[in-house]
N, C-alpha and C. Protein backbone atom coordinates (compact mmCIF):
# COMPACT_ATOMS: atom_id res chain seq x y z
N UNK A 1 -52.14 18.57 19.83
CA UNK A 1 -53.37 18.22 19.09
C UNK A 1 -54.31 17.48 20.04
N UNK A 2 -55.64 17.83 19.98
CA UNK A 2 -56.63 17.19 20.85
C UNK A 2 -57.05 15.81 20.38
N UNK A 3 -57.36 14.97 21.22
CA UNK A 3 -57.86 13.63 20.86
C UNK A 3 -58.76 13.17 22.00
N UNK A 4 -59.62 12.18 21.73
CA UNK A 4 -60.63 11.71 22.70
C UNK A 4 -59.98 10.90 23.78
N UNK A 5 -60.21 11.37 25.01
CA UNK A 5 -59.73 10.63 26.18
C UNK A 5 -60.94 10.38 27.07
N UNK A 6 -61.22 9.18 27.34
CA UNK A 6 -62.44 8.82 28.07
C UNK A 6 -62.40 9.36 29.49
N UNK A 7 -61.18 9.35 30.09
CA UNK A 7 -61.07 9.79 31.48
C UNK A 7 -61.26 11.28 31.62
N UNK A 8 -60.78 12.12 30.54
CA UNK A 8 -60.89 13.58 30.63
C UNK A 8 -62.32 14.01 30.51
N UNK A 9 -63.18 13.33 29.78
CA UNK A 9 -64.58 13.72 29.67
C UNK A 9 -64.88 14.42 28.39
N UNK A 10 -66.10 14.28 27.95
CA UNK A 10 -66.52 14.86 26.68
C UNK A 10 -66.62 16.37 26.77
N UNK A 11 -66.99 16.96 27.89
CA UNK A 11 -67.18 18.42 28.01
C UNK A 11 -65.85 19.16 27.89
N UNK A 12 -64.82 18.62 28.48
CA UNK A 12 -63.51 19.27 28.37
C UNK A 12 -63.02 19.27 26.94
N UNK A 13 -63.23 18.19 26.23
CA UNK A 13 -62.81 18.11 24.81
C UNK A 13 -63.63 19.06 23.96
N UNK A 14 -64.89 19.21 24.17
CA UNK A 14 -65.76 20.08 23.39
C UNK A 14 -65.42 21.53 23.63
N UNK A 15 -65.14 21.88 24.90
CA UNK A 15 -64.78 23.28 25.18
C UNK A 15 -63.51 23.69 24.44
N UNK A 16 -62.54 22.84 24.40
CA UNK A 16 -61.24 23.18 23.76
C UNK A 16 -61.42 23.46 22.28
N UNK A 17 -62.11 22.61 21.56
CA UNK A 17 -62.26 22.80 20.11
C UNK A 17 -63.30 23.84 19.77
N UNK A 18 -64.26 24.07 20.66
CA UNK A 18 -65.27 25.09 20.41
C UNK A 18 -64.64 26.47 20.42
N UNK A 19 -63.69 26.71 21.29
CA UNK A 19 -63.02 28.01 21.36
C UNK A 19 -62.21 28.26 20.07
N UNK A 20 -61.64 27.22 19.52
CA UNK A 20 -60.87 27.37 18.26
C UNK A 20 -61.80 27.71 17.12
N UNK A 21 -62.95 27.05 17.03
CA UNK A 21 -63.91 27.30 15.95
C UNK A 21 -64.44 28.71 16.04
N UNK A 22 -64.76 29.18 17.26
CA UNK A 22 -65.27 30.54 17.43
C UNK A 22 -64.23 31.57 16.99
N UNK A 23 -62.95 31.34 17.32
CA UNK A 23 -61.88 32.29 16.92
C UNK A 23 -61.77 32.40 15.41
N UNK A 24 -61.81 31.28 14.70
CA UNK A 24 -61.71 31.30 13.23
C UNK A 24 -62.89 32.01 12.63
N UNK A 25 -64.09 31.83 13.19
CA UNK A 25 -65.29 32.48 12.66
C UNK A 25 -65.19 33.98 12.81
N UNK A 26 -64.61 34.44 13.91
CA UNK A 26 -64.46 35.89 14.14
C UNK A 26 -63.50 36.49 13.12
N UNK A 27 -62.40 35.80 12.82
CA UNK A 27 -61.41 36.31 11.84
C UNK A 27 -62.04 36.43 10.46
N UNK A 28 -62.77 35.41 10.03
CA UNK A 28 -63.40 35.46 8.70
C UNK A 28 -64.41 36.59 8.62
N UNK A 29 -65.12 36.86 9.72
CA UNK A 29 -66.13 37.93 9.75
C UNK A 29 -65.46 39.29 9.56
N UNK A 30 -64.36 39.53 10.26
CA UNK A 30 -63.64 40.82 10.16
C UNK A 30 -63.08 41.02 8.77
N UNK A 31 -62.45 40.00 8.19
CA UNK A 31 -61.89 40.11 6.82
C UNK A 31 -62.97 40.41 5.83
N UNK A 32 -64.12 39.77 5.93
CA UNK A 32 -65.22 40.03 4.99
C UNK A 32 -65.73 41.44 5.11
N UNK A 33 -65.84 41.94 6.36
CA UNK A 33 -66.31 43.30 6.56
C UNK A 33 -65.35 44.30 5.94
N UNK A 34 -64.02 44.12 6.14
CA UNK A 34 -63.03 45.04 5.57
C UNK A 34 -63.06 45.00 4.06
N UNK A 35 -63.20 43.85 3.45
CA UNK A 35 -63.25 43.73 2.00
C UNK A 35 -64.45 44.45 1.45
N UNK A 36 -65.62 44.33 2.13
CA UNK A 36 -66.82 45.03 1.67
C UNK A 36 -66.68 46.51 1.79
N UNK A 37 -66.02 46.95 2.88
CA UNK A 37 -65.85 48.38 3.07
C UNK A 37 -64.93 48.94 2.01
N UNK A 38 -63.90 48.22 1.68
CA UNK A 38 -62.96 48.68 0.63
C UNK A 38 -63.67 48.81 -0.69
N UNK A 39 -64.52 47.84 -1.04
CA UNK A 39 -65.27 47.90 -2.31
C UNK A 39 -66.21 49.08 -2.32
N UNK A 40 -66.83 49.35 -1.14
CA UNK A 40 -67.77 50.47 -1.05
C UNK A 40 -67.04 51.79 -1.27
N UNK A 41 -65.87 51.94 -0.64
CA UNK A 41 -65.11 53.20 -0.77
C UNK A 41 -64.71 53.42 -2.20
N UNK A 42 -64.22 52.38 -2.89
CA UNK A 42 -63.78 52.53 -4.28
C UNK A 42 -64.94 52.85 -5.19
N UNK A 43 -66.09 52.19 -4.94
CA UNK A 43 -67.26 52.46 -5.80
C UNK A 43 -67.82 53.84 -5.57
N UNK A 44 -67.75 54.33 -4.33
CA UNK A 44 -68.25 55.68 -4.03
C UNK A 44 -67.32 56.74 -4.57
N UNK A 45 -66.01 56.46 -4.70
CA UNK A 45 -65.08 57.46 -5.25
C UNK A 45 -65.37 57.71 -6.71
N UNK A 46 -65.68 56.69 -7.46
CA UNK A 46 -66.12 56.82 -8.85
C UNK A 46 -65.06 57.32 -9.79
N UNK A 47 -65.41 58.27 -10.67
CA UNK A 47 -64.52 58.76 -11.74
C UNK A 47 -63.23 59.37 -11.24
N UNK A 48 -63.24 60.01 -10.07
CA UNK A 48 -62.02 60.67 -9.56
C UNK A 48 -60.89 59.65 -9.42
N UNK A 49 -61.25 58.48 -8.89
CA UNK A 49 -60.22 57.45 -8.72
C UNK A 49 -59.72 56.99 -10.08
N UNK A 50 -60.61 56.78 -11.03
CA UNK A 50 -60.21 56.33 -12.37
C UNK A 50 -59.32 57.36 -13.05
N UNK A 51 -59.68 58.66 -12.88
CA UNK A 51 -58.88 59.73 -13.50
C UNK A 51 -57.49 59.76 -12.89
N UNK A 52 -57.43 59.59 -11.55
CA UNK A 52 -56.11 59.60 -10.87
C UNK A 52 -55.25 58.44 -11.35
N UNK A 53 -55.90 57.29 -11.45
CA UNK A 53 -55.14 56.13 -11.93
C UNK A 53 -54.67 56.33 -13.36
N UNK A 54 -55.55 56.96 -14.19
CA UNK A 54 -55.15 57.20 -15.58
C UNK A 54 -53.97 58.15 -15.67
N UNK A 55 -54.06 59.20 -14.83
CA UNK A 55 -52.94 60.17 -14.83
C UNK A 55 -51.65 59.49 -14.39
N UNK A 56 -51.77 58.69 -13.33
CA UNK A 56 -50.58 57.98 -12.85
C UNK A 56 -50.04 57.03 -13.91
N UNK A 57 -50.98 56.38 -14.63
CA UNK A 57 -50.54 55.47 -15.68
C UNK A 57 -49.83 56.21 -16.80
N UNK A 58 -50.40 57.41 -17.19
CA UNK A 58 -49.74 58.21 -18.23
C UNK A 58 -48.36 58.65 -17.79
N UNK A 59 -48.29 59.08 -16.51
CA UNK A 59 -46.99 59.49 -15.98
C UNK A 59 -46.01 58.33 -15.99
N UNK A 60 -46.53 57.16 -15.60
CA UNK A 60 -45.65 55.97 -15.60
C UNK A 60 -45.16 55.66 -17.01
N UNK A 61 -46.13 55.77 -18.00
CA UNK A 61 -45.75 55.49 -19.40
C UNK A 61 -44.72 56.50 -19.87
N UNK A 62 -44.93 57.82 -19.53
CA UNK A 62 -43.98 58.86 -19.91
C UNK A 62 -42.61 58.60 -19.28
N UNK A 63 -42.67 58.27 -17.99
CA UNK A 63 -41.41 57.97 -17.31
C UNK A 63 -40.73 56.77 -17.93
N UNK A 64 -41.55 55.75 -18.32
CA UNK A 64 -40.99 54.57 -18.96
C UNK A 64 -40.34 54.92 -20.28
N UNK A 65 -41.02 55.80 -21.06
CA UNK A 65 -40.44 56.23 -22.34
C UNK A 65 -39.14 56.99 -22.12
N UNK A 66 -39.18 57.88 -21.08
CA UNK A 66 -37.95 58.63 -20.76
C UNK A 66 -36.83 57.68 -20.39
N UNK A 67 -37.15 56.73 -19.53
CA UNK A 67 -36.14 55.75 -19.14
C UNK A 67 -35.65 54.95 -20.33
N UNK A 68 -36.59 54.63 -21.26
CA UNK A 68 -36.20 53.89 -22.46
C UNK A 68 -35.24 54.71 -23.31
N UNK A 69 -35.58 56.05 -23.47
CA UNK A 69 -34.67 56.92 -24.23
C UNK A 69 -33.31 57.03 -23.56
N UNK A 70 -33.36 57.19 -22.22
CA UNK A 70 -32.08 57.27 -21.50
C UNK A 70 -31.29 55.99 -21.64
N UNK A 71 -32.00 54.86 -21.63
CA UNK A 71 -31.32 53.58 -21.80
C UNK A 71 -30.67 53.49 -23.17
N UNK A 72 -31.42 54.00 -24.20
CA UNK A 72 -30.85 54.00 -25.56
C UNK A 72 -29.58 54.85 -25.61
N UNK A 73 -29.66 56.07 -24.99
CA UNK A 73 -28.49 56.94 -24.96
C UNK A 73 -27.33 56.29 -24.19
N UNK A 74 -27.70 55.69 -23.07
CA UNK A 74 -26.66 55.01 -22.28
C UNK A 74 -26.02 53.87 -23.06
N UNK A 75 -26.88 53.15 -23.82
CA UNK A 75 -26.35 52.06 -24.64
C UNK A 75 -25.39 52.59 -25.71
N UNK A 76 -25.77 53.73 -26.35
CA UNK A 76 -24.91 54.33 -27.37
C UNK A 76 -23.60 54.80 -26.75
N UNK A 77 -23.74 55.45 -25.57
CA UNK A 77 -22.52 55.90 -24.87
C UNK A 77 -21.65 54.72 -24.49
N UNK A 78 -22.32 53.64 -24.01
CA UNK A 78 -21.57 52.44 -23.65
C UNK A 78 -20.84 51.88 -24.85
N UNK A 79 -21.53 51.84 -26.03
CA UNK A 79 -20.88 51.33 -27.25
C UNK A 79 -19.69 52.21 -27.62
N UNK A 80 -19.91 53.56 -27.53
CA UNK A 80 -18.81 54.47 -27.85
C UNK A 80 -17.64 54.26 -26.90
N UNK A 81 -17.97 54.15 -25.61
CA UNK A 81 -16.91 53.93 -24.62
C UNK A 81 -16.22 52.59 -24.83
N UNK A 82 -17.02 51.59 -25.25
CA UNK A 82 -16.43 50.28 -25.53
C UNK A 82 -15.44 50.37 -26.69
N UNK A 83 -15.85 51.10 -27.77
CA UNK A 83 -14.95 51.30 -28.90
C UNK A 83 -13.70 52.05 -28.47
N UNK A 84 -13.91 53.12 -27.66
CA UNK A 84 -12.76 53.89 -27.18
C UNK A 84 -11.86 53.02 -26.32
N UNK A 85 -12.48 52.18 -25.47
CA UNK A 85 -11.69 51.28 -24.62
C UNK A 85 -10.88 50.30 -25.47
N UNK A 86 -11.54 49.74 -26.50
CA UNK A 86 -10.84 48.80 -27.38
C UNK A 86 -9.68 49.48 -28.10
N UNK A 87 -9.92 50.73 -28.55
CA UNK A 87 -8.86 51.48 -29.23
C UNK A 87 -7.71 51.77 -28.26
N UNK A 88 -8.07 52.22 -27.05
CA UNK A 88 -7.04 52.49 -26.05
C UNK A 88 -6.27 51.21 -25.70
N UNK A 89 -7.01 50.10 -25.62
CA UNK A 89 -6.36 48.82 -25.32
C UNK A 89 -5.39 48.44 -26.43
N UNK A 90 -5.81 48.66 -27.70
CA UNK A 90 -4.94 48.35 -28.84
C UNK A 90 -3.71 49.26 -28.81
N UNK A 91 -3.95 50.58 -28.56
CA UNK A 91 -2.83 51.51 -28.50
C UNK A 91 -1.88 51.14 -27.37
N UNK A 92 -2.45 50.73 -26.24
CA UNK A 92 -1.62 50.31 -25.11
C UNK A 92 -0.79 49.08 -25.46
N UNK A 93 -1.39 48.15 -26.18
CA UNK A 93 -0.65 46.96 -26.60
C UNK A 93 0.49 47.36 -27.55
N UNK A 94 0.18 48.31 -28.48
CA UNK A 94 1.22 48.78 -29.40
C UNK A 94 2.35 49.45 -28.64
N UNK A 95 1.95 50.31 -27.66
CA UNK A 95 2.96 51.00 -26.87
C UNK A 95 3.79 49.99 -26.07
N UNK A 96 3.12 48.98 -25.53
CA UNK A 96 3.83 47.95 -24.78
C UNK A 96 4.83 47.22 -25.68
N UNK A 97 4.39 46.93 -26.91
CA UNK A 97 5.29 46.27 -27.87
C UNK A 97 6.49 47.16 -28.19
N UNK A 98 6.20 48.45 -28.44
CA UNK A 98 7.29 49.39 -28.72
C UNK A 98 8.23 49.51 -27.53
N UNK A 99 7.64 49.52 -26.32
CA UNK A 99 8.48 49.60 -25.13
C UNK A 99 9.38 48.38 -25.00
N UNK A 100 8.83 47.20 -25.31
CA UNK A 100 9.64 45.98 -25.26
C UNK A 100 10.76 46.03 -26.30
N UNK A 101 10.40 46.50 -27.53
CA UNK A 101 11.43 46.62 -28.57
C UNK A 101 12.52 47.61 -28.16
N UNK A 102 12.08 48.75 -27.58
CA UNK A 102 13.04 49.76 -27.15
C UNK A 102 13.93 49.22 -26.05
N UNK A 103 13.34 48.47 -25.11
CA UNK A 103 14.14 47.88 -24.04
C UNK A 103 15.16 46.89 -24.61
N UNK A 104 14.72 46.10 -25.60
CA UNK A 104 15.65 45.16 -26.23
C UNK A 104 16.80 45.90 -26.90
N UNK A 105 16.46 47.00 -27.60
CA UNK A 105 17.51 47.79 -28.26
C UNK A 105 18.44 48.42 -27.23
N UNK A 106 17.86 48.92 -26.12
CA UNK A 106 18.69 49.50 -25.07
C UNK A 106 19.61 48.46 -24.45
N UNK A 107 19.06 47.26 -24.22
CA UNK A 107 19.89 46.18 -23.67
C UNK A 107 21.02 45.83 -24.62
N UNK A 108 20.68 45.77 -25.93
CA UNK A 108 21.71 45.47 -26.93
C UNK A 108 22.76 46.58 -26.96
N UNK A 109 22.29 47.85 -26.88
CA UNK A 109 23.22 48.98 -26.90
C UNK A 109 24.12 48.95 -25.66
N UNK A 110 23.53 48.65 -24.49
CA UNK A 110 24.33 48.56 -23.28
C UNK A 110 25.36 47.44 -23.38
N UNK A 111 24.94 46.30 -23.95
CA UNK A 111 25.88 45.20 -24.14
C UNK A 111 27.00 45.59 -25.09
N UNK A 112 26.60 46.29 -26.20
CA UNK A 112 27.60 46.74 -27.16
C UNK A 112 28.54 47.75 -26.53
N UNK A 113 27.96 48.68 -25.73
CA UNK A 113 28.80 49.67 -25.05
C UNK A 113 29.75 49.00 -24.08
N UNK A 114 29.26 47.94 -23.40
CA UNK A 114 30.12 47.22 -22.48
C UNK A 114 31.28 46.56 -23.22
N UNK A 115 30.96 45.92 -24.38
CA UNK A 115 32.03 45.30 -25.18
C UNK A 115 33.00 46.36 -25.68
N UNK A 116 32.45 47.50 -26.13
CA UNK A 116 33.30 48.59 -26.63
C UNK A 116 34.18 49.13 -25.51
N UNK A 117 33.61 49.27 -24.30
CA UNK A 117 34.40 49.76 -23.17
C UNK A 117 35.52 48.79 -22.84
N UNK A 118 35.22 47.47 -22.92
CA UNK A 118 36.25 46.47 -22.67
C UNK A 118 37.39 46.60 -23.69
N UNK A 119 37.01 46.81 -24.98
CA UNK A 119 38.03 46.97 -26.01
C UNK A 119 38.84 48.24 -25.78
N UNK A 120 38.14 49.33 -25.39
CA UNK A 120 38.84 50.59 -25.12
C UNK A 120 39.83 50.41 -23.97
N UNK A 121 39.36 49.73 -22.90
CA UNK A 121 40.26 49.48 -21.76
C UNK A 121 41.45 48.64 -22.19
N UNK A 122 41.21 47.65 -23.07
CA UNK A 122 42.31 46.81 -23.57
C UNK A 122 43.29 47.64 -24.40
N UNK A 123 42.73 48.50 -25.28
CA UNK A 123 43.59 49.36 -26.10
C UNK A 123 44.39 50.32 -25.23
N UNK A 124 43.72 50.88 -24.20
CA UNK A 124 44.43 51.80 -23.31
C UNK A 124 45.56 51.08 -22.59
N UNK A 125 45.30 49.82 -22.20
CA UNK A 125 46.37 49.04 -21.57
C UNK A 125 47.53 48.81 -22.53
N UNK A 126 47.21 48.49 -23.80
CA UNK A 126 48.26 48.30 -24.80
C UNK A 126 49.03 49.59 -25.04
N UNK A 127 48.29 50.72 -25.10
CA UNK A 127 48.94 52.02 -25.33
C UNK A 127 49.87 52.35 -24.17
N UNK A 128 49.39 52.07 -22.93
CA UNK A 128 50.24 52.32 -21.77
C UNK A 128 51.52 51.48 -21.85
N UNK A 129 51.37 50.20 -22.26
CA UNK A 129 52.54 49.34 -22.42
C UNK A 129 53.49 49.86 -23.49
N UNK A 130 52.89 50.32 -24.63
CA UNK A 130 53.71 50.87 -25.72
C UNK A 130 54.42 52.14 -25.28
N UNK A 131 53.71 52.99 -24.52
CA UNK A 131 54.33 54.22 -24.04
C UNK A 131 55.51 53.90 -23.13
N UNK A 132 55.34 52.86 -22.29
CA UNK A 132 56.44 52.45 -21.42
C UNK A 132 57.61 51.94 -22.25
N UNK A 133 57.28 51.15 -23.30
CA UNK A 133 58.33 50.65 -24.19
C UNK A 133 59.03 51.80 -24.90
N UNK A 134 58.24 52.80 -25.34
CA UNK A 134 58.83 53.96 -26.03
C UNK A 134 59.75 54.72 -25.08
N UNK A 135 59.28 54.89 -23.83
CA UNK A 135 60.11 55.59 -22.85
C UNK A 135 61.41 54.83 -22.62
N UNK A 136 61.31 53.49 -22.52
CA UNK A 136 62.52 52.69 -22.34
C UNK A 136 63.42 52.79 -23.57
N UNK A 137 62.80 52.76 -24.76
CA UNK A 137 63.59 52.87 -25.99
C UNK A 137 64.27 54.23 -26.08
N UNK A 138 63.54 55.28 -25.67
CA UNK A 138 64.15 56.62 -25.70
C UNK A 138 65.36 56.68 -24.76
N UNK A 139 65.22 56.03 -23.60
CA UNK A 139 66.36 55.99 -22.68
C UNK A 139 67.53 55.25 -23.31
N UNK A 140 67.21 54.13 -23.99
CA UNK A 140 68.27 53.37 -24.66
C UNK A 140 68.91 54.19 -25.78
N UNK A 141 68.06 54.91 -26.52
CA UNK A 141 68.58 55.75 -27.62
C UNK A 141 69.50 56.83 -27.06
N UNK A 142 69.09 57.41 -25.93
CA UNK A 142 69.93 58.44 -25.31
C UNK A 142 71.28 57.86 -24.91
N UNK A 143 71.22 56.66 -24.32
CA UNK A 143 72.48 56.00 -23.94
C UNK A 143 73.32 55.68 -25.16
N UNK A 144 72.66 55.18 -26.23
CA UNK A 144 73.39 54.85 -27.46
C UNK A 144 73.99 56.11 -28.09
N UNK A 145 73.23 57.20 -28.07
CA UNK A 145 73.75 58.45 -28.63
C UNK A 145 74.99 58.91 -27.85
N UNK A 146 74.91 58.76 -26.52
CA UNK A 146 76.08 59.13 -25.71
C UNK A 146 77.26 58.23 -26.05
N UNK A 147 76.96 56.92 -26.21
CA UNK A 147 78.04 55.98 -26.57
C UNK A 147 78.63 56.31 -27.93
N UNK A 148 77.72 56.58 -28.91
CA UNK A 148 78.19 56.94 -30.26
C UNK A 148 79.03 58.21 -30.22
N UNK A 149 78.59 59.19 -29.42
CA UNK A 149 79.34 60.43 -29.31
C UNK A 149 80.73 60.17 -28.75
N UNK A 150 80.78 59.33 -27.72
CA UNK A 150 82.09 59.00 -27.13
C UNK A 150 82.96 58.26 -28.14
N UNK A 151 82.34 57.30 -28.87
CA UNK A 151 83.10 56.56 -29.87
C UNK A 151 83.56 57.46 -30.99
N UNK A 152 82.72 58.44 -31.38
CA UNK A 152 83.10 59.38 -32.44
C UNK A 152 84.33 60.18 -32.02
N UNK A 153 84.29 60.62 -30.77
CA UNK A 153 85.45 61.36 -30.24
C UNK A 153 86.70 60.48 -30.27
N UNK A 154 86.50 59.22 -29.85
CA UNK A 154 87.64 58.31 -29.85
C UNK A 154 88.15 58.05 -31.27
N UNK A 155 87.19 57.88 -32.21
CA UNK A 155 87.59 57.65 -33.61
C UNK A 155 88.34 58.85 -34.16
N UNK A 156 87.78 60.04 -33.86
CA UNK A 156 88.47 61.26 -34.36
C UNK A 156 89.87 61.37 -33.77
N UNK A 157 89.96 61.02 -32.49
CA UNK A 157 91.29 61.06 -31.86
C UNK A 157 92.22 60.04 -32.50
N UNK A 158 91.67 58.81 -32.73
CA UNK A 158 92.49 57.79 -33.40
C UNK A 158 92.87 58.21 -34.81
N UNK A 159 91.91 58.88 -35.50
CA UNK A 159 92.21 59.33 -36.86
C UNK A 159 93.31 60.39 -36.86
N UNK A 160 93.20 61.31 -35.90
CA UNK A 160 94.25 62.33 -35.81
C UNK A 160 95.60 61.69 -35.53
N UNK A 161 95.60 60.72 -34.61
CA UNK A 161 96.86 60.05 -34.28
C UNK A 161 97.37 59.25 -35.47
N UNK A 162 96.43 58.61 -36.19
CA UNK A 162 96.83 57.84 -37.37
C UNK A 162 97.39 58.76 -38.44
N UNK A 163 96.70 59.90 -38.66
CA UNK A 163 97.18 60.86 -39.68
C UNK A 163 98.58 61.38 -39.31
N UNK A 164 98.78 61.64 -38.02
CA UNK A 164 100.09 62.13 -37.59
C UNK A 164 101.17 61.07 -37.81
N UNK A 165 100.82 59.82 -37.47
CA UNK A 165 101.79 58.73 -37.67
C UNK A 165 102.10 58.55 -39.15
N UNK A 166 101.02 58.56 -40.01
CA UNK A 166 101.21 58.38 -41.45
C UNK A 166 102.05 59.52 -42.02
N UNK A 167 101.72 60.76 -41.56
CA UNK A 167 102.48 61.92 -42.07
C UNK A 167 103.96 61.81 -41.68
N UNK A 168 104.21 61.39 -40.45
CA UNK A 168 105.59 61.25 -40.00
C UNK A 168 106.31 60.17 -40.79
N UNK A 169 105.61 59.04 -41.01
CA UNK A 169 106.21 57.96 -41.78
C UNK A 169 106.43 58.38 -43.23
N UNK A 170 105.44 59.11 -43.80
CA UNK A 170 105.55 59.55 -45.19
C UNK A 170 106.73 60.50 -45.34
N UNK A 171 106.92 61.38 -44.36
CA UNK A 171 108.06 62.30 -44.44
C UNK A 171 109.38 61.51 -44.49
N UNK A 172 109.50 60.51 -43.65
CA UNK A 172 110.74 59.75 -43.63
C UNK A 172 110.92 58.97 -44.92
N UNK A 173 109.85 58.28 -45.35
CA UNK A 173 109.96 57.42 -46.53
C UNK A 173 110.18 58.25 -47.79
N UNK A 174 109.30 59.24 -47.99
CA UNK A 174 109.36 60.01 -49.24
C UNK A 174 110.62 60.89 -49.30
N UNK A 175 111.10 61.34 -48.15
CA UNK A 175 112.32 62.15 -48.17
C UNK A 175 113.52 61.30 -48.61
N UNK A 176 113.48 60.05 -48.16
CA UNK A 176 114.55 59.16 -48.60
C UNK A 176 114.46 58.92 -50.10
N UNK A 177 113.23 58.67 -50.61
CA UNK A 177 113.04 58.42 -52.04
C UNK A 177 113.31 59.67 -52.87
N UNK A 178 113.10 60.85 -52.26
CA UNK A 178 113.29 62.09 -53.01
C UNK A 178 114.76 62.30 -53.34
N UNK A 179 115.59 61.66 -52.57
CA UNK A 179 117.02 61.78 -52.89
C UNK A 179 117.26 61.22 -54.29
N UNK A 180 116.52 60.14 -54.60
CA UNK A 180 116.69 59.50 -55.89
C UNK A 180 115.78 60.09 -56.97
N UNK A 181 114.67 60.76 -56.51
CA UNK A 181 113.74 61.37 -57.49
C UNK A 181 113.30 62.72 -56.93
N UNK A 182 113.97 63.75 -57.29
CA UNK A 182 113.68 65.08 -56.74
C UNK A 182 112.26 65.61 -57.07
N UNK A 183 111.57 65.00 -58.04
CA UNK A 183 110.23 65.49 -58.40
C UNK A 183 109.15 65.06 -57.38
N UNK A 184 109.46 64.19 -56.51
CA UNK A 184 108.48 63.71 -55.52
C UNK A 184 108.10 64.85 -54.58
N UNK A 185 106.77 65.06 -54.43
CA UNK A 185 106.29 66.14 -53.54
C UNK A 185 105.02 65.75 -52.78
N UNK A 186 104.42 64.60 -53.13
CA UNK A 186 103.16 64.18 -52.50
C UNK A 186 103.24 62.70 -52.10
N UNK A 187 102.25 62.32 -51.31
CA UNK A 187 102.13 60.91 -50.93
C UNK A 187 100.64 60.60 -50.74
N UNK A 188 100.34 59.31 -50.78
CA UNK A 188 98.97 58.84 -50.47
C UNK A 188 99.08 57.42 -49.95
N UNK A 189 98.02 57.00 -49.35
CA UNK A 189 97.97 55.66 -48.78
C UNK A 189 97.35 54.72 -49.79
N UNK A 190 98.05 53.62 -50.07
CA UNK A 190 97.54 52.59 -50.93
C UNK A 190 97.37 51.36 -50.07
N UNK A 191 96.11 51.09 -49.63
CA UNK A 191 95.83 50.02 -48.69
C UNK A 191 96.59 50.28 -47.39
N UNK A 192 97.66 49.56 -47.15
CA UNK A 192 98.41 49.75 -45.90
C UNK A 192 99.81 50.32 -46.16
N UNK A 193 100.12 50.71 -47.39
CA UNK A 193 101.46 51.22 -47.71
C UNK A 193 101.40 52.68 -48.11
N UNK A 194 102.52 53.37 -47.95
CA UNK A 194 102.63 54.78 -48.32
C UNK A 194 103.30 54.85 -49.69
N UNK A 195 102.67 55.58 -50.63
CA UNK A 195 103.18 55.71 -51.99
C UNK A 195 103.56 57.17 -52.21
N UNK A 196 104.76 57.38 -52.64
CA UNK A 196 105.22 58.74 -52.92
C UNK A 196 105.00 59.03 -54.40
N UNK A 197 104.60 60.30 -54.74
CA UNK A 197 104.31 60.65 -56.12
C UNK A 197 104.67 62.11 -56.34
N UNK A 198 104.83 62.43 -57.62
CA UNK A 198 105.20 63.79 -57.99
C UNK A 198 103.98 64.60 -58.42
N UNK A 199 102.81 64.01 -58.55
CA UNK A 199 101.61 64.72 -59.00
C UNK A 199 100.50 64.60 -57.94
N UNK A 200 99.79 65.73 -57.78
CA UNK A 200 98.65 65.74 -56.85
C UNK A 200 97.45 65.08 -57.51
N UNK A 201 96.68 64.32 -56.72
CA UNK A 201 95.52 63.61 -57.26
C UNK A 201 94.43 63.55 -56.16
N UNK A 202 93.31 64.26 -56.45
CA UNK A 202 92.23 64.31 -55.45
C UNK A 202 91.60 62.93 -55.24
N UNK A 203 91.53 62.16 -56.36
CA UNK A 203 90.93 60.83 -56.25
C UNK A 203 91.73 59.95 -55.31
N UNK A 204 93.05 60.02 -55.38
CA UNK A 204 93.90 59.23 -54.50
C UNK A 204 94.04 59.85 -53.13
N UNK A 205 93.68 61.13 -53.03
CA UNK A 205 93.79 61.84 -51.74
C UNK A 205 95.23 62.11 -51.34
N UNK A 206 96.02 62.62 -52.29
CA UNK A 206 97.45 62.89 -52.03
C UNK A 206 97.59 64.02 -51.03
N UNK A 207 98.68 63.93 -50.26
CA UNK A 207 99.04 64.96 -49.28
C UNK A 207 100.48 65.40 -49.50
N UNK A 208 100.77 66.65 -49.07
CA UNK A 208 102.15 67.15 -49.17
C UNK A 208 103.03 66.50 -48.10
N UNK A 209 104.28 66.36 -48.39
CA UNK A 209 105.22 65.95 -47.35
C UNK A 209 106.37 66.93 -47.38
N UNK A 210 107.08 67.01 -46.26
CA UNK A 210 108.19 67.96 -46.16
C UNK A 210 109.40 67.25 -45.55
N UNK A 211 110.53 67.67 -46.04
CA UNK A 211 111.75 67.06 -45.54
C UNK A 211 112.55 68.08 -44.70
């Protein structure tokens, strides 16, 4: 910024600010000339310019109306899409809820199947143990049957030997008694004794004797 300096001199200070004033005056002159020329051109164009502006304005208004209609349609479509979105969102929430319920049921079913499988495995283990017991029992039964068969043979042998001994004893006893009672022809066992008799009796199980 310029300021008065006594040593620099008045002429140097005047020249500096005079050049600035002249520059500003030239700029204002050019701007004024251009503004006047623009006004002259517009005034000389006359009705043609007004008609062009009117046409452009009508086109702008038509375009604005078209845009307004499109905006209305877009708004309606947006509302429809919003409703569809809300419905889809609700359906998705319902599906999500159903999926959660189904997962819970599947988890419960898997847990139940796991418990059932554990019970089946336990039952199979018990059945295997029972089958082993049955096999062992069958082996014992076979051994017992063999023992019973052997004992039966022994009993039959003892019975035959006992019958032979009783018959031999009955022959000796009853033959001696027959000397005194010639009608004697049979004998039977009464507890541990031999009884001689002259009559056959199925109830007593009488047997013949011979002398």
